[in-house]
Amino acid sequence: MTAQLLLGLSILVGLHEFGHLIAAKIFGMRVEKYSIGFPPKIWGFQYGETEYSFGAIPLGGFVKISGMIDESLDTSTLDEEPQPWEFRAKPAWQRLIVMMGGIIVNVITGIFIYVAISYSTGETYLTKEELNKNGIVAYELGEQLGLKTGDRIIKINGRDYERYSDLRDPSEVFLGDNSYYTVDRNGQIFDVHIPNDFVNDLTDGDSRIPFIDYRAPFKVSLVEPESPASDGGLMDGDLITAINGNEIKFFDEFQNSLRENAGKKISAVVTHESDKVNLEFQVREEGTIGIHAEKIIDLQTDEYTLGEAVTRGTQDAFGVVFVTIKGFGKMFKGDADVRKSLAGPIRIAKMFGGTWIWLKFWTLTGLLSMVLAFMNFLPIPALDGGHVLFLTFEMISGRKPSDRFLEGAQKVGMVFLLGLMAFVIVNDIL
């Protein structure tokens, strides 16, 4: 999982810094160094006026442009007259484009990834109508809200919805204020309100706690070798219809029955190739018998033309930014715990997982690309957004901040960012 994170970050950082580099070269600025990763240098080469290299610390990168006050804090030439090829000698609008170059490339990269995913895989989803044939499964956290297994959710915040995924949409439900579901429970219609700080309850360390799921029949998709299921004669594709004389229709009923009989022997009625047989299994202490189950449900798949994929992918990419902004709003209001909301490299690596799944890798890489673009745009000295802020001030006021002021602001920004990085890493560990 670490290798996947480093690969994704290397791609994004390389493209981000390339955005700065290409813009600087277009405007005739001298680029002294281009590095993926921070020093010490592992490997590099010289091409023209620029040294290209890889650094040993992979959580970032940089370009060093002559005459620019950056994270290198190289101020040796500030007292000399600006040279034509230096960053500080160029018009403010050119310097602004150079500083926006990395952000723009990250946005384009994120959009491209989401468009490619939409075009190549389409979208598979569960419709509201299919969901409400059997209702939801309410786990412990859902029950605390007031939901029950079998409930049919008919509206979100008083509005109709189309897909099961809408019920767990962060922007509409968890990051909004005073959100609620309208529920149909055996013909009784009422609202279930979601606390504004509910997002804190959904996160435990680096894992997401389930609170609802869709309810569905199931079949055995895979029987693990040398497991209680295989010892009892269960086979791939079998249907389990009863346990200890009690009818089993849905997967949650099957799970509950195993938990209730943990460590005990059970008898089950199994349908195998249209024949019903009685089998016995010894349930493990953790409440399992060693099978993988497949829910039997009618999922819909939308395939997109290239034009539709561009529209859908762009919406998905900028949706990441809107959710991020809402998340920051929750943190500032105190509704979201900063320790749970900010993820560092360790937790992000766990999101990738230990198994290569190309769709998951590129989805997370696209997400990170949009988040990095947003974070870099924040008006914090040492980030691109800090430079953009000062350049915008210069263009509006006609007065350029002094080099000494910019140097001091850069130092303050770096101290803040290093402190933030230390916080998220320690927080990940804890």
Protein backbone atom coordinates (compact mmCIF):
# COMPACT_ATOMS: atom_id res chain seq x y z
CA MET A 1 0.00 0.00 0.00
CA THR A 2 2.94 2.34 0.64
CA ALA A 3 4.24 1.68 -2.86
CA GLN A 4 0.87 2.63 -4.35
CA LEU A 5 0.78 5.88 -2.38
CA LEU A 6 4.33 6.76 -3.42
CA LEU A 7 3.54 5.98 -7.06
CA GLY A 8 0.38 8.10 -6.99
CA LEU A 9 2.14 11.00 -5.23
CA SER A 10 5.13 10.81 -7.57
CA ILE A 11 2.82 11.11 -10.58
CA LEU A 12 0.90 14.03 -9.08
CA VAL A 13 3.94 15.87 -7.72
CA GLY A 14 5.83 15.38 -10.98
CA LEU A 15 2.93 16.81 -12.99
CA HIS A 16 2.38 19.66 -10.50
CA GLU A 17 6.00 20.79 -10.64
CA PHE A 18 6.01 20.32 -14.43
CA GLY A 19 3.15 22.86 -14.55
CA HIS A 20 5.40 25.43 -12.85
CA LEU A 21 8.39 24.48 -15.00
CA ILE A 22 6.69 24.70 -18.38
CA ALA A 23 5.02 28.03 -17.55
CA ALA A 24 8.33 29.48 -16.34
CA LYS A 25 10.16 28.38 -19.47
CA ILE A 26 7.41 29.78 -21.73
CA PHE A 27 7.98 33.21 -20.19
CA GLY A 28 11.75 32.95 -20.48
CA MET A 29 12.54 32.31 -16.82
CA ARG A 30 15.56 30.20 -15.92
CA VAL A 31 14.63 27.00 -14.07
CA GLU A 32 17.65 25.78 -12.13
CA LYS A 33 16.21 22.60 -10.59
CA TYR A 34 13.22 20.29 -11.02
CA SER A 35 12.87 17.61 -8.33
CA ILE A 36 10.34 14.91 -7.49
CA GLY A 37 10.91 14.39 -3.77
CA PHE A 38 13.00 16.48 -1.39
CA PRO A 39 16.79 16.23 -0.82
CA PRO A 40 19.04 14.40 -0.38
CA LYS A 41 19.19 13.66 -4.10
CA ILE A 42 19.05 10.01 -5.15
CA TRP A 43 19.59 10.43 -8.89
CA GLY A 44 19.50 13.19 -11.45
CA PHE A 45 20.84 14.59 -14.69
CA GLN A 46 21.45 17.97 -16.31
CA TYR A 47 19.57 18.98 -19.44
CA GLY A 48 20.20 22.48 -20.67
CA GLU A 49 20.03 24.97 -17.81
CA THR A 50 17.93 22.65 -15.58
CA GLU A 51 18.94 19.82 -13.27
CA TYR A 52 16.25 17.08 -13.12
CA SER A 53 16.36 14.79 -10.07
CA PHE A 54 14.62 12.46 -7.63
CA GLY A 55 14.88 13.13 -3.89
CA ALA A 56 14.98 10.65 -1.01
CA ILE A 57 11.99 12.20 0.78
CA PRO A 58 9.03 11.37 -1.49
CA LEU A 59 6.29 13.53 0.11
CA GLY A 60 6.58 16.46 -2.28
CA GLY A 61 8.83 18.13 -4.81
CA PHE A 62 9.94 21.53 -6.08
CA VAL A 63 11.21 23.63 -8.96
CA LYS A 64 13.85 26.27 -8.30
CA ILE A 65 13.32 29.31 -10.52
CA SER A 66 16.03 31.95 -10.61
CA GLY A 67 15.13 35.09 -8.67
CA MET A 68 12.19 33.56 -6.82
CA ILE A 69 11.91 33.36 -3.02
CA ASP A 70 10.80 29.78 -2.45
CA GLU A 71 11.29 26.96 0.04
CA SER A 72 15.04 26.92 -0.67
CA LEU A 73 15.24 30.42 0.95
CA ASP A 74 18.10 31.24 -1.43
CA THR A 75 18.39 35.02 -1.11
CA SER A 76 21.99 35.38 -2.30
CA THR A 77 21.05 37.47 -5.37
CA LEU A 78 18.30 39.63 -3.87
CA ASP A 79 20.61 42.64 -3.39
CA GLU A 80 21.66 42.58 -7.04
CA GLU A 81 19.82 44.06 -10.01
CA PRO A 82 17.21 41.62 -11.42
CA GLN A 83 18.38 39.78 -14.52
CA PRO A 84 16.01 39.41 -17.50
CA TRP A 85 15.70 35.65 -16.97
CA GLU A 86 14.75 35.92 -13.29
CA PHE A 87 11.29 35.38 -11.83
CA ARG A 88 11.33 38.78 -10.07
CA ALA A 89 12.10 40.60 -13.34
CA LYS A 90 8.92 39.43 -15.07
CA PRO A 91 5.51 41.18 -15.06
CA ALA A 92 3.18 40.23 -12.21
CA TRP A 93 0.69 38.53 -14.55
CA GLN A 94 3.41 36.20 -15.87
CA ARG A 95 4.56 35.36 -12.34
CA LEU A 96 0.93 34.68 -11.39
CA ILE A 97 0.51 32.20 -14.26
CA VAL A 98 3.74 30.45 -13.25
CA MET A 99 2.51 30.06 -9.65
CA MET A 100 -0.90 28.83 -10.85
CA GLY A 101 0.71 26.38 -13.28
CA GLY A 102 0.98 23.50 -10.81
CA ILE A 103 -2.58 23.93 -9.54
CA ILE A 104 -3.96 24.09 -13.08
CA VAL A 105 -2.12 20.90 -14.09
CA ASN A 106 -3.42 19.07 -10.98
CA VAL A 107 -6.98 20.13 -11.81
CA ILE A 108 -6.57 18.99 -15.43
CA THR A 109 -5.06 15.68 -14.22
CA GLY A 110 -7.93 15.07 -11.79
CA ILE A 111 -10.55 15.82 -14.43
CA PHE A 112 -8.77 13.61 -16.98
CA ILE A 113 -8.64 10.66 -14.55
CA TYR A 114 -12.33 10.96 -13.62
CA VAL A 115 -13.35 11.33 -17.27
CA ALA A 116 -11.29 8.26 -18.22
CA ILE A 117 -12.88 6.22 -15.42
CA SER A 118 -16.40 7.32 -16.40
CA TYR A 119 -15.79 6.51 -20.06
CA SER A 120 -14.10 3.14 -19.49
CA THR A 121 -16.24 1.70 -16.68
CA GLY A 122 -19.48 3.66 -16.71
CA GLU A 123 -21.36 3.71 -13.42
CA THR A 124 -23.02 0.83 -11.60
CA TYR A 125 -25.58 1.70 -8.94
CA LEU A 126 -28.60 0.56 -6.96
CA THR A 127 -31.79 2.47 -7.67
CA LYS A 128 -34.08 3.79 -4.97
CA GLU A 129 -36.85 1.48 -6.24
CA GLU A 130 -34.67 -1.61 -5.99
CA LEU A 131 -33.39 -0.56 -2.56
CA ASN A 132 -36.86 -0.09 -1.16
CA LYS A 133 -38.08 -3.53 -2.22
CA ASN A 134 -36.43 -4.85 0.95
CA GLY A 135 -35.34 -1.65 2.71
CA ILE A 136 -32.11 -1.05 4.56
CA VAL A 137 -30.00 -2.88 7.11
CA ALA A 138 -29.44 -0.63 10.14
CA TYR A 139 -26.23 -1.30 12.01
CA GLU A 140 -25.58 -0.11 15.57
CA LEU A 141 -24.75 3.44 14.51
CA GLY A 142 -27.85 3.59 12.32
CA GLU A 143 -30.01 2.30 15.16
CA GLN A 144 -28.66 5.10 17.36
CA LEU A 145 -30.04 7.55 14.80
CA GLY A 146 -33.44 5.89 15.08
CA LEU A 147 -33.33 3.67 11.98
CA LYS A 148 -34.33 0.00 11.96
CA THR A 149 -33.59 -2.85 9.61
CA GLY A 150 -36.35 -3.02 7.00
CA ASP A 151 -36.97 0.74 6.97
CA ARG A 152 -37.57 2.28 3.57
CA ILE A 153 -35.98 5.71 3.14
CA ILE A 154 -38.14 7.73 0.77
CA LYS A 155 -36.57 11.23 0.91
CA ILE A 156 -33.35 13.04 1.85
CA ASN A 157 -33.77 16.49 3.38
CA GLY A 158 -37.32 16.57 2.08
CA ARG A 159 -36.26 15.84 -1.52
CA ASP A 160 -36.56 12.73 -3.65
CA TYR A 161 -33.39 10.82 -4.57
CA GLU A 162 -32.41 8.35 -7.28
CA ARG A 163 -29.71 6.02 -5.93
CA TYR A 164 -28.71 4.21 -2.78
CA SER A 165 -25.35 6.03 -2.84
CA ASP A 166 -27.26 9.31 -2.35
CA LEU A 167 -28.10 8.18 1.20
CA ARG A 168 -24.40 8.32 2.07
CA ASP A 169 -23.46 11.38 0.01
CA PRO A 170 -21.12 13.43 2.24
CA SER A 171 -22.12 16.73 0.68
CA GLU A 172 -25.86 16.20 1.06
CA VAL A 173 -26.01 14.27 4.33
CA PHE A 174 -22.93 14.22 6.59
CA LEU A 175 -21.41 17.62 5.81
CA GLY A 176 -24.66 19.54 5.66
CA ASP A 177 -26.55 21.10 8.56
CA ASN A 178 -29.80 19.73 10.00
CA SER A 179 -29.94 16.84 7.53
CA TYR A 180 -32.64 14.20 7.84
CA TYR A 181 -34.15 11.13 6.20
CA THR A 182 -37.85 10.64 5.65
CA VAL A 183 -38.60 7.01 6.53
CA ASP A 184 -41.46 4.63 5.76
CA ARG A 185 -41.71 1.97 8.50
CA ASN A 186 -44.61 -0.37 7.83
CA GLY A 187 -46.70 2.49 6.45
CA GLN A 188 -45.76 4.99 9.16
CA ILE A 189 -43.98 8.05 7.72
CA PHE A 190 -41.59 10.09 9.91
CA ASP A 191 -38.28 11.95 9.84
CA VAL A 192 -34.98 10.69 11.28
CA HIS A 193 -32.64 13.60 11.99
CA ILE A 194 -28.88 13.35 11.57
CA PRO A 195 -26.77 15.26 14.14
CA ASN A 196 -24.48 17.92 12.69
CA ASP A 197 -21.47 16.17 14.25
CA PHE A 198 -22.48 12.71 13.00
CA VAL A 199 -19.45 12.69 10.69
CA ASN A 200 -17.29 12.14 13.78
CA ASP A 201 -19.16 8.92 14.61
CA LEU A 202 -18.54 7.55 11.12
CA THR A 203 -14.78 7.47 11.50
CA ASP A 204 -12.73 5.26 13.77
CA GLY A 205 -9.01 5.64 13.21
CA ASP A 206 -8.40 4.97 9.51
CA SER A 207 -11.61 2.99 8.94
CA ARG A 208 -15.12 4.02 8.06
CA ILE A 209 -17.84 2.66 10.37
CA PRO A 210 -20.91 1.36 8.48
CA PHE A 211 -24.26 2.63 9.69
CA ILE A 212 -26.60 1.35 6.97
CA ASP A 213 -26.49 -1.06 4.05
CA TYR A 214 -28.95 -2.30 1.48
CA ARG A 215 -30.91 -5.45 2.35
CA ALA A 216 -30.83 -8.32 -0.10
CA PRO A 217 -31.05 -12.11 -0.53
CA PHE A 218 -27.73 -13.86 -1.08
CA LYS A 219 -25.97 -16.95 -2.35
CA VAL A 220 -22.63 -18.57 -1.55
CA SER A 221 -20.09 -17.29 -4.05
CA LEU A 222 -16.99 -19.02 -2.62
CA VAL A 223 -16.38 -21.67 0.02
CA GLU A 224 -12.98 -21.41 1.69
CA PRO A 225 -10.93 -24.65 1.70
CA GLU A 226 -10.62 -26.49 5.01
CA SER A 227 -13.34 -24.34 6.60
CA PRO A 228 -16.47 -25.37 8.56
CA ALA A 229 -18.50 -24.68 5.41
CA SER A 230 -16.40 -26.98 3.21
CA ASP A 231 -16.27 -29.65 5.95
CA GLY A 232 -20.07 -29.53 6.14
CA GLY A 233 -20.50 -30.01 2.40
CA LEU A 234 -21.43 -26.46 1.34
CA MET A 235 -20.57 -25.63 -2.29
CA ASP A 236 -20.16 -22.52 -4.42
CA GLY A 237 -23.51 -21.23 -5.66
CA ASP A 238 -25.59 -22.81 -2.85
CA LEU A 239 -28.50 -20.97 -1.23
CA ILE A 240 -28.92 -21.14 2.55
CA THR A 241 -32.65 -20.86 3.30
CA ALA A 242 -32.90 -21.81 6.99
CA ILE A 243 -30.73 -22.18 10.11
CA ASN A 244 -31.89 -24.24 13.10
CA GLY A 245 -35.40 -24.27 11.70
CA ASN A 246 -35.60 -20.48 11.25
CA GLU A 247 -36.15 -19.14 7.73
CA ILE A 248 -33.22 -17.17 6.30
CA LYS A 249 -34.02 -14.80 3.46
CA PHE A 250 -31.55 -11.92 3.73
CA PHE A 251 -27.81 -11.77 4.24
CA ASP A 252 -28.11 -9.72 7.46
CA GLU A 253 -30.36 -12.47 8.91
CA PHE A 254 -27.68 -15.03 8.04
CA GLN A 255 -24.96 -12.94 9.72
CA ASN A 256 -27.06 -12.41 12.85
CA SER A 257 -27.82 -16.11 13.08
CA LEU A 258 -24.12 -17.03 12.90
CA ARG A 259 -23.25 -14.46 15.57
CA GLU A 260 -25.95 -15.84 17.87
CA ASN A 261 -24.55 -19.35 17.40
CA ALA A 262 -20.85 -18.52 17.60
CA GLY A 263 -18.89 -21.59 18.75
CA LYS A 264 -21.90 -23.87 18.31
CA LYS A 265 -23.00 -26.45 15.76
CA ILE A 266 -25.91 -25.44 13.52
CA SER A 267 -28.16 -27.25 11.07
CA ALA A 268 -29.00 -25.53 7.79
CA VAL A 269 -31.38 -26.08 4.90
CA VAL A 270 -29.45 -25.57 1.68
CA THR A 271 -30.66 -25.45 -1.92
CA HIS A 272 -28.08 -27.06 -4.19
CA GLU A 273 -28.87 -27.16 -7.93
CA SER A 274 -32.65 -27.07 -7.16
CA ASP A 275 -32.34 -29.88 -4.56
CA LYS A 276 -32.85 -29.14 -0.86
CA VAL A 277 -30.42 -30.79 1.54
CA ASN A 278 -29.80 -30.58 5.29
CA LEU A 279 -26.23 -29.80 6.33
CA GLU A 280 -24.46 -29.18 9.63
CA PHE A 281 -21.67 -26.68 10.36
CA GLN A 282 -19.51 -25.86 13.33
CA VAL A 283 -19.60 -22.06 13.66
CA ARG A 284 -16.28 -20.46 14.54
CA GLU A 285 -15.91 -18.43 17.72
CA GLU A 286 -15.93 -15.21 15.70
CA GLY A 287 -19.29 -16.15 14.15
CA THR A 288 -18.22 -17.32 10.66
CA ILE A 289 -18.19 -20.58 8.73
CA GLY A 290 -15.72 -19.65 5.96
CA ILE A 291 -17.72 -18.46 2.97
CA HIS A 292 -17.87 -15.45 0.70
CA ALA A 293 -21.39 -14.34 -0.11
CA GLU A 294 -22.85 -12.53 -3.11
CA LYS A 295 -25.94 -10.42 -2.62
CA ILE A 296 -28.65 -11.10 -5.19
CA ILE A 297 -29.84 -7.70 -6.33
CA ASP A 298 -30.58 -5.90 -9.59
CA LEU A 299 -27.89 -3.28 -10.15
CA GLN A 300 -28.13 -0.76 -12.98
CA THR A 301 -25.17 0.25 -15.16
CA ASP A 302 -24.95 3.46 -17.15
CA GLU A 303 -22.42 3.60 -19.97
CA TYR A 304 -21.26 7.02 -21.11
CA THR A 305 -20.29 8.38 -24.49
CA LEU A 306 -17.11 10.45 -24.53
CA GLY A 307 -19.11 13.67 -24.31
CA GLU A 308 -21.19 12.35 -21.41
CA ALA A 309 -18.04 11.09 -19.69
CA VAL A 310 -16.47 14.56 -19.94
CA THR A 311 -19.50 16.08 -18.25
CA ARG A 312 -19.77 13.36 -15.60
CA GLY A 313 -16.04 13.19 -14.89
CA THR A 314 -15.77 16.96 -14.53
CA GLN A 315 -18.70 16.97 -12.09
CA ASP A 316 -17.11 14.18 -10.05
CA ALA A 317 -13.72 15.91 -9.99
CA PHE A 318 -15.05 19.25 -8.77
CA GLY A 319 -17.37 17.38 -6.41
CA VAL A 320 -14.22 16.39 -4.51
CA VAL A 321 -13.34 20.08 -4.08
CA PHE A 322 -16.83 21.00 -2.89
CA VAL A 323 -16.82 18.17 -0.34
CA THR A 324 -13.36 19.27 0.85
CA ILE A 325 -14.59 22.85 1.31
CA LYS A 326 -17.63 21.64 3.24
CA GLY A 327 -15.38 19.45 5.38
CA PHE A 328 -13.21 22.44 6.28
CA GLY A 329 -16.37 24.35 7.14
CA LYS A 330 -17.43 21.57 9.50
CA MET A 331 -14.02 21.65 11.20
CA PHE A 332 -14.08 25.43 11.64
CA LYS A 333 -17.57 25.24 13.18
CA GLY A 334 -16.46 22.48 15.55
CA ASP A 335 -18.85 19.86 14.13
CA ALA A 336 -15.97 17.72 12.78
CA ASP A 337 -13.05 16.55 14.88
CA VAL A 338 -9.81 17.76 13.28
CA ARG A 339 -7.99 14.64 14.46
CA LYS A 340 -10.44 12.41 12.59
CA SER A 341 -10.87 14.65 9.55
CA LEU A 342 -7.22 15.27 8.57
CA ALA A 343 -5.47 12.23 7.13
CA GLY A 344 -1.70 12.02 6.77
CA PRO A 345 0.43 9.73 4.60
CA ILE A 346 -0.06 6.64 6.79
CA ARG A 347 -3.86 6.75 6.66
CA ILE A 348 -3.87 7.64 2.97
CA ALA A 349 -1.61 4.65 2.26
CA LYS A 350 -4.11 2.40 4.06
CA MET A 351 -6.84 3.76 1.79
CA PHE A 352 -4.96 2.36 -1.21
CA GLY A 353 -4.74 -1.07 0.47
CA GLY A 354 -2.23 -3.83 -0.04
CA THR A 355 -3.72 -5.26 -3.26
CA TRP A 356 -3.38 -3.55 -6.63
CA ILE A 357 -6.83 -2.69 -8.01
CA TRP A 358 -6.37 -0.36 -10.93
CA LEU A 359 -9.80 1.30 -10.62
CA LYS A 360 -9.25 2.00 -6.91
CA PHE A 361 -5.72 3.28 -7.54
CA TRP A 362 -6.74 5.74 -10.23
CA THR A 363 -9.88 6.84 -8.36
CA LEU A 364 -7.81 7.69 -5.28
CA THR A 365 -5.10 9.31 -7.42
CA GLY A 366 -7.74 11.48 -9.12
CA LEU A 367 -9.17 12.40 -5.73
CA LEU A 368 -5.71 13.29 -4.38
CA SER A 369 -5.01 15.40 -7.46
CA MET A 370 -8.08 17.56 -6.81
CA VAL A 371 -7.37 17.77 -3.06
CA LEU A 372 -3.74 18.78 -3.71
CA ALA A 373 -4.92 21.47 -6.13
CA PHE A 374 -7.30 22.84 -3.49
CA MET A 375 -4.77 22.66 -0.66
CA ASN A 376 -2.08 24.37 -2.75
CA PHE A 377 -4.51 27.19 -3.56
CA LEU A 378 -4.98 28.06 0.12
CA PRO A 379 -3.52 31.55 0.82
CA ILE A 380 -0.74 30.27 3.06
CA PRO A 381 2.84 31.50 2.52
CA ALA A 382 5.07 28.69 1.20
CA LEU A 383 2.12 27.28 -0.75
CA ASP A 384 1.28 28.36 -4.29
CA GLY A 385 -1.78 30.11 -2.90
CA GLY A 386 0.43 32.34 -0.74
CA HIS A 387 2.36 33.48 -3.81
CA VAL A 388 -0.94 34.00 -5.66
CA LEU A 389 -2.22 36.15 -2.78
CA PHE A 390 0.82 38.45 -2.82
CA LEU A 391 0.85 38.67 -6.62
CA THR A 392 -2.84 39.52 -6.69
CA PHE A 393 -2.19 42.28 -4.14
CA GLU A 394 0.62 43.59 -6.35
CA MET A 395 -1.55 43.59 -9.47
CA ILE A 396 -4.41 45.40 -7.72
CA SER A 397 -2.39 47.91 -5.71
CA GLY A 398 0.49 48.42 -8.11
CA ARG A 399 2.92 47.93 -5.20
CA LYS A 400 5.13 44.86 -4.91
CA PRO A 401 5.81 43.51 -1.39
CA SER A 402 9.48 43.80 -0.51
CA ASP A 403 11.76 40.82 -0.96
CA ARG A 404 12.48 40.81 2.79
CA PHE A 405 8.77 40.64 3.55
CA LEU A 406 8.33 37.75 1.12
CA GLU A 407 11.31 35.99 2.69
CA GLY A 408 9.81 36.36 6.16
CA ALA A 409 6.39 35.21 4.99
CA GLN A 410 7.99 32.16 3.37
CA LYS A 411 9.69 31.23 6.65
CA VAL A 412 6.45 31.58 8.61
CA GLY A 413 4.59 29.48 6.07
CA MET A 414 7.21 26.75 6.13
CA VAL A 415 7.12 26.57 9.94
CA PHE A 416 3.33 26.26 9.79
CA LEU A 417 3.40 23.56 7.11
CA LEU A 418 6.11 21.55 8.85
CA GLY A 419 4.10 21.73 12.07
CA LEU A 420 0.97 20.61 10.24
CA MET A 421 2.83 17.70 8.64
CA ALA A 422 4.20 16.63 12.02
CA PHE A 423 0.69 16.82 13.48
CA VAL A 424 -0.94 14.64 10.82
CA ILE A 425 1.84 12.02 10.95
CA VAL A 426 1.70 11.76 14.74
CA ASN A 427 -2.10 11.76 14.56
CA ASP A 428 -1.97 8.90 12.02
CA ILE A 429 0.22 6.88 14.36
CA LEU A 430 -1.95 7.55 17.40
